[in-house]
Amino acid sequence: MGRARELAAEVLRLAVGTITDTTVRAALPVLDQAVPESPDGSSAEVSSCIWLALGLVDKFLGGDGPAPTGLGARLEPRSIRGPGDRATPDILSAAPHAFDAIGRLIQTRRELHYGAAIALAIVFHAWAAGTSTPVDDLIRAHIR
């Protein structure tokens, strides 16, 4: 695993955990730790967070991973008002091909960044509810 992915995974673990436990707005300071570009590689980059989150959403909803079969049918979109509210439904409807559809998903980089994290949180919430597995356990095990 490369350093950029490790940093993105750290941001996403914290943000997705915060979204599932509280609210999207509470996760914004965590998501905002990612920067547009990190010349020295010391900070998570927005593009790495987007790439990782979309890849995981596609993997989990596409049946190629450890997620339960039919997980996409059990998603319960949350009422989202604020950053990420435009991108999240588009991401979930494009999955398991959201990464391939990135060109039509992009509204702003930040909107896509927030939306990808929210979509991943929705996936983990449905996974946890459908398997009686604590969401924090799923986040720790699968955001890498």
C-alpha atoms as a PDB file:
ATOM      1  CA  MET A   1       0.000   0.000   0.000  1.00  0.00           C
ATOM      2  CA  GLY A   2       1.391   3.391  -0.975  1.00  0.00           C
ATOM      3  CA  ARG A   3       1.699   6.338   1.351  1.00  0.00           C
ATOM      4  CA  ALA A   4      -0.992   8.336  -0.519  1.00  0.00           C
ATOM      5  CA  ARG A   5      -3.476   5.501  -0.061  1.00  0.00           C
ATOM      6  CA  GLU A   6      -2.593   5.106   3.631  1.00  0.00           C
ATOM      7  CA  LEU A   7      -3.224   8.803   4.254  1.00  0.00           C
ATOM      8  CA  ALA A   8      -6.503   8.696   2.312  1.00  0.00           C
ATOM      9  CA  ALA A   9      -7.592   5.602   4.251  1.00  0.00           C
ATOM     10  CA  GLU A  10      -6.923   7.378   7.567  1.00  0.00           C
ATOM     11  CA  VAL A  11      -9.098  10.330   6.552  1.00  0.00           C
ATOM     12  CA  LEU A  12     -11.867   8.077   5.238  1.00  0.00           C
ATOM     13  CA  ARG A  13     -11.904   5.820   8.308  1.00  0.00           C
ATOM     14  CA  LEU A  14     -12.396   8.837  10.567  1.00  0.00           C
ATOM     15  CA  ALA A  15     -14.877  10.588   8.271  1.00  0.00           C
ATOM     16  CA  VAL A  16     -17.010   7.526   7.505  1.00  0.00           C
ATOM     17  CA  GLY A  17     -17.083   6.622  11.198  1.00  0.00           C
ATOM     18  CA  THR A  18     -18.188  10.143  12.070  1.00  0.00           C
ATOM     19  CA  ILE A  19     -20.873  10.151   9.367  1.00  0.00           C
ATOM     20  CA  THR A  20     -22.317   6.828  10.527  1.00  0.00           C
ATOM     21  CA  ASP A  21     -22.187   7.850  14.198  1.00  0.00           C
ATOM     22  CA  THR A  22     -23.354  11.456  13.959  1.00  0.00           C
ATOM     23  CA  THR A  23     -23.783  13.726  10.940  1.00  0.00           C
ATOM     24  CA  VAL A  24     -22.193  14.657   7.653  1.00  0.00           C
ATOM     25  CA  ARG A  25     -21.472  18.149   8.954  1.00  0.00           C
ATOM     26  CA  ALA A  26     -19.510  16.688  11.873  1.00  0.00           C
ATOM     27  CA  ALA A  27     -17.281  14.861   9.377  1.00  0.00           C
ATOM     28  CA  LEU A  28     -16.425  17.953   7.317  1.00  0.00           C
ATOM     29  CA  PRO A  29     -13.408  18.985   9.434  1.00  0.00           C
ATOM     30  CA  VAL A  30     -11.999  15.477   8.982  1.00  0.00           C
ATOM     31  CA  LEU A  31     -12.632  15.462   5.229  1.00  0.00           C
ATOM     32  CA  ASP A  32     -11.139  18.942   4.967  1.00  0.00           C
ATOM     33  CA  GLN A  33      -7.827  17.569   6.252  1.00  0.00           C
ATOM     34  CA  ALA A  34      -7.328  16.274   2.701  1.00  0.00           C
ATOM     35  CA  VAL A  35      -5.643  18.862   0.514  1.00  0.00           C
ATOM     36  CA  PRO A  36      -5.819  19.419  -3.239  1.00  0.00           C
ATOM     37  CA  GLU A  37      -2.131  18.605  -3.598  1.00  0.00           C
ATOM     38  CA  SER A  38       0.525  17.480  -1.122  1.00  0.00           C
ATOM     39  CA  PRO A  39       3.927  18.130  -2.742  1.00  0.00           C
ATOM     40  CA  ASP A  40       5.829  16.394   0.058  1.00  0.00           C
ATOM     41  CA  GLY A  41       3.300  13.565   0.473  1.00  0.00           C
ATOM     42  CA  SER A  42       2.671  14.364   4.124  1.00  0.00           C
ATOM     43  CA  SER A  43      -1.082  15.004   3.801  1.00  0.00           C
ATOM     44  CA  ALA A  44      -3.956  13.069   2.310  1.00  0.00           C
ATOM     45  CA  GLU A  45      -4.976  14.364  -1.102  1.00  0.00           C
ATOM     46  CA  VAL A  46      -8.595  14.886  -2.115  1.00  0.00           C
ATOM     47  CA  SER A  47      -8.070  12.867  -5.308  1.00  0.00           C
ATOM     48  CA  SER A  48      -6.730   9.876  -3.350  1.00  0.00           C
ATOM     49  CA  CYS A  49      -9.708   9.991  -0.988  1.00  0.00           C
ATOM     50  CA  ILE A  50     -12.129  10.117  -3.928  1.00  0.00           C
ATOM     51  CA  TRP A  51     -10.330   7.288  -5.724  1.00  0.00           C
ATOM     52  CA  LEU A  52     -10.310   5.059  -2.641  1.00  0.00           C
ATOM     53  CA  ALA A  53     -13.932   5.761  -1.634  1.00  0.00           C
ATOM     54  CA  LEU A  54     -15.328   5.222  -5.141  1.00  0.00           C
ATOM     55  CA  GLY A  55     -13.265   2.080  -5.573  1.00  0.00           C
ATOM     56  CA  LEU A  56     -14.617   0.646  -2.322  1.00  0.00           C
ATOM     57  CA  VAL A  57     -18.229   1.577  -3.128  1.00  0.00           C
ATOM     58  CA  ASP A  58     -17.877  -0.137  -6.508  1.00  0.00           C
ATOM     59  CA  LYS A  59     -16.195  -3.178  -4.969  1.00  0.00           C
ATOM     60  CA  PHE A  60     -18.786  -3.627  -2.236  1.00  0.00           C
ATOM     61  CA  LEU A  61     -21.819  -3.036  -4.450  1.00  0.00           C
ATOM     62  CA  GLY A  62     -20.420  -4.968  -7.392  1.00  0.00           C
ATOM     63  CA  GLY A  63     -20.163  -8.313  -5.660  1.00  0.00           C
ATOM     64  CA  ASP A  64     -16.370  -8.486  -6.040  1.00  0.00           C
ATOM     65  CA  GLY A  65     -15.582  -8.170  -2.389  1.00  0.00           C
ATOM     66  CA  PRO A  66     -16.442  -9.304   1.074  1.00  0.00           C
ATOM     67  CA  ALA A  67     -19.748  -7.429   1.273  1.00  0.00           C
ATOM     68  CA  PRO A  68     -22.967  -9.456   1.393  1.00  0.00           C
ATOM     69  CA  THR A  69     -24.687 -10.198  -1.895  1.00  0.00           C
ATOM     70  CA  GLY A  70     -27.521  -7.800  -2.669  1.00  0.00           C
ATOM     71  CA  LEU A  71     -26.147  -5.031  -0.470  1.00  0.00           C
ATOM     72  CA  GLY A  72     -27.137  -2.381  -3.015  1.00  0.00           C
ATOM     73  CA  ALA A  73     -30.812  -3.233  -2.578  1.00  0.00           C
ATOM     74  CA  ARG A  74     -30.563  -2.540   1.166  1.00  0.00           C
ATOM     75  CA  LEU A  75     -29.091   0.953   0.956  1.00  0.00           C
ATOM     76  CA  GLU A  76     -31.008   3.563   2.888  1.00  0.00           C
ATOM     77  CA  PRO A  77     -29.974   6.971   1.610  1.00  0.00           C
ATOM     78  CA  ARG A  78     -29.886   9.562   4.321  1.00  0.00           C
ATOM     79  CA  SER A  79     -31.368  13.007   4.116  1.00  0.00           C
ATOM     80  CA  ILE A  80     -28.354  15.106   3.317  1.00  0.00           C
ATOM     81  CA  ARG A  81     -28.377  18.853   3.275  1.00  0.00           C
ATOM     82  CA  GLY A  82     -25.113  20.512   2.560  1.00  0.00           C
ATOM     83  CA  PRO A  83     -21.807  19.456   1.078  1.00  0.00           C
ATOM     84  CA  GLY A  84     -22.041  16.183  -0.786  1.00  0.00           C
ATOM     85  CA  ASP A  85     -25.825  16.252  -1.208  1.00  0.00           C
ATOM     86  CA  ARG A  86     -25.665  16.536  -5.016  1.00  0.00           C
ATOM     87  CA  ALA A  87     -22.928  13.963  -5.609  1.00  0.00           C
ATOM     88  CA  THR A  88     -24.030  11.194  -3.226  1.00  0.00           C
ATOM     89  CA  PRO A  89     -27.171  10.043  -5.090  1.00  0.00           C
ATOM     90  CA  ASP A  90     -25.272  10.146  -8.394  1.00  0.00           C
ATOM     91  CA  ILE A  91     -22.472   8.014  -6.965  1.00  0.00           C
ATOM     92  CA  LEU A  92     -24.837   5.423  -5.520  1.00  0.00           C
ATOM     93  CA  SER A  93     -26.859   5.202  -8.730  1.00  0.00           C
ATOM     94  CA  ALA A  94     -23.683   4.765 -10.818  1.00  0.00           C
ATOM     95  CA  ALA A  95     -22.259   2.024  -8.560  1.00  0.00           C
ATOM     96  CA  PRO A  96     -20.801  -0.495  -9.139  1.00  0.00           C
ATOM     97  CA  HIS A  97     -19.404   1.604 -11.984  1.00  0.00           C
ATOM     98  CA  ALA A  98     -19.056   4.912 -10.143  1.00  0.00           C
ATOM     99  CA  PHE A  99     -15.316   5.090 -10.699  1.00  0.00           C
ATOM    100  CA  ASP A 100     -15.797   4.582 -14.439  1.00  0.00           C
ATOM    101  CA  ALA A 101     -18.464   7.309 -14.436  1.00  0.00           C
ATOM    102  CA  ILE A 102     -16.270   9.872 -12.682  1.00  0.00           C
ATOM    103  CA  GLY A 103     -16.354  12.209 -15.683  1.00  0.00           C
ATOM    104  CA  ARG A 104     -20.090  12.690 -15.405  1.00  0.00           C
ATOM    105  CA  LEU A 105     -20.102  12.662 -11.600  1.00  0.00           C
ATOM    106  CA  ILE A 106     -17.784  15.596 -11.115  1.00  0.00           C
ATOM    107  CA  GLN A 107     -19.496  18.763 -10.044  1.00  0.00           C
ATOM    108  CA  THR A 108     -16.663  20.170  -7.972  1.00  0.00           C
ATOM    109  CA  ARG A 109     -13.796  18.207  -6.545  1.00  0.00           C
ATOM    110  CA  ARG A 110     -14.893  18.953  -2.969  1.00  0.00           C
ATOM    111  CA  GLU A 111     -18.516  17.997  -3.699  1.00  0.00           C
ATOM    112  CA  LEU A 112     -17.343  14.682  -5.121  1.00  0.00           C
ATOM    113  CA  HIS A 113     -14.972  14.206  -2.165  1.00  0.00           C
ATOM    114  CA  TYR A 114     -17.772  14.712   0.359  1.00  0.00           C
ATOM    115  CA  GLY A 115     -20.273  12.699  -1.692  1.00  0.00           C
ATOM    116  CA  ALA A 116     -17.914   9.726  -2.049  1.00  0.00           C
ATOM    117  CA  ALA A 117     -17.360   9.597   1.710  1.00  0.00           C
ATOM    118  CA  ILE A 118     -21.093   9.860   2.378  1.00  0.00           C
ATOM    119  CA  ALA A 119     -21.852   7.116  -0.161  1.00  0.00           C
ATOM    120  CA  LEU A 120     -19.270   4.869   1.505  1.00  0.00           C
ATOM    121  CA  ALA A 121     -20.826   5.579   4.914  1.00  0.00           C
ATOM    122  CA  ILE A 122     -24.269   4.626   3.551  1.00  0.00           C
ATOM    123  CA  VAL A 123     -22.834   1.358   2.216  1.00  0.00           C
ATOM    124  CA  PHE A 124     -21.205   0.517   5.559  1.00  0.00           C
ATOM    125  CA  HIS A 125     -24.373   1.414   7.452  1.00  0.00           C
ATOM    126  CA  ALA A 126     -26.432  -0.994   5.306  1.00  0.00           C
ATOM    127  CA  TRP A 127     -23.758  -3.691   5.595  1.00  0.00           C
ATOM    128  CA  ALA A 128     -23.681  -3.379   9.387  1.00  0.00           C
ATOM    129  CA  ALA A 129     -27.472  -3.435   9.663  1.00  0.00           C
ATOM    130  CA  GLY A 130     -27.786  -6.464   7.397  1.00  0.00           C
ATOM    131  CA  THR A 131     -25.153  -8.532   9.180  1.00  0.00           C
ATOM    132  CA  SER A 132     -25.422  -7.304  12.781  1.00  0.00           C
ATOM    133  CA  THR A 133     -21.729  -6.381  12.580  1.00  0.00           C
ATOM    134  CA  PRO A 134     -20.641  -3.190  14.336  1.00  0.00           C
ATOM    135  CA  VAL A 135     -20.026  -0.541  11.684  1.00  0.00           C
ATOM    136  CA  ASP A 136     -16.725   0.438  13.327  1.00  0.00           C
ATOM    137  CA  ASP A 137     -15.463  -3.124  12.870  1.00  0.00           C
ATOM    138  CA  LEU A 138     -16.339  -3.019   9.174  1.00  0.00           C
ATOM    139  CA  ILE A 139     -14.672   0.357   8.701  1.00  0.00           C
ATOM    140  CA  ARG A 140     -11.454  -0.782  10.395  1.00  0.00           C
ATOM    141  CA  ALA A 141     -11.370  -4.029   8.446  1.00  0.00           C
ATOM    142  CA  HIS A 142     -12.168  -2.713   4.974  1.00  0.00           C
ATOM    143  CA  ILE A 143     -10.935   0.853   4.543  1.00  0.00           C
ATOM    144  CA  ARG A 144      -7.307   0.193   3.730  1.00  0.00           C
END
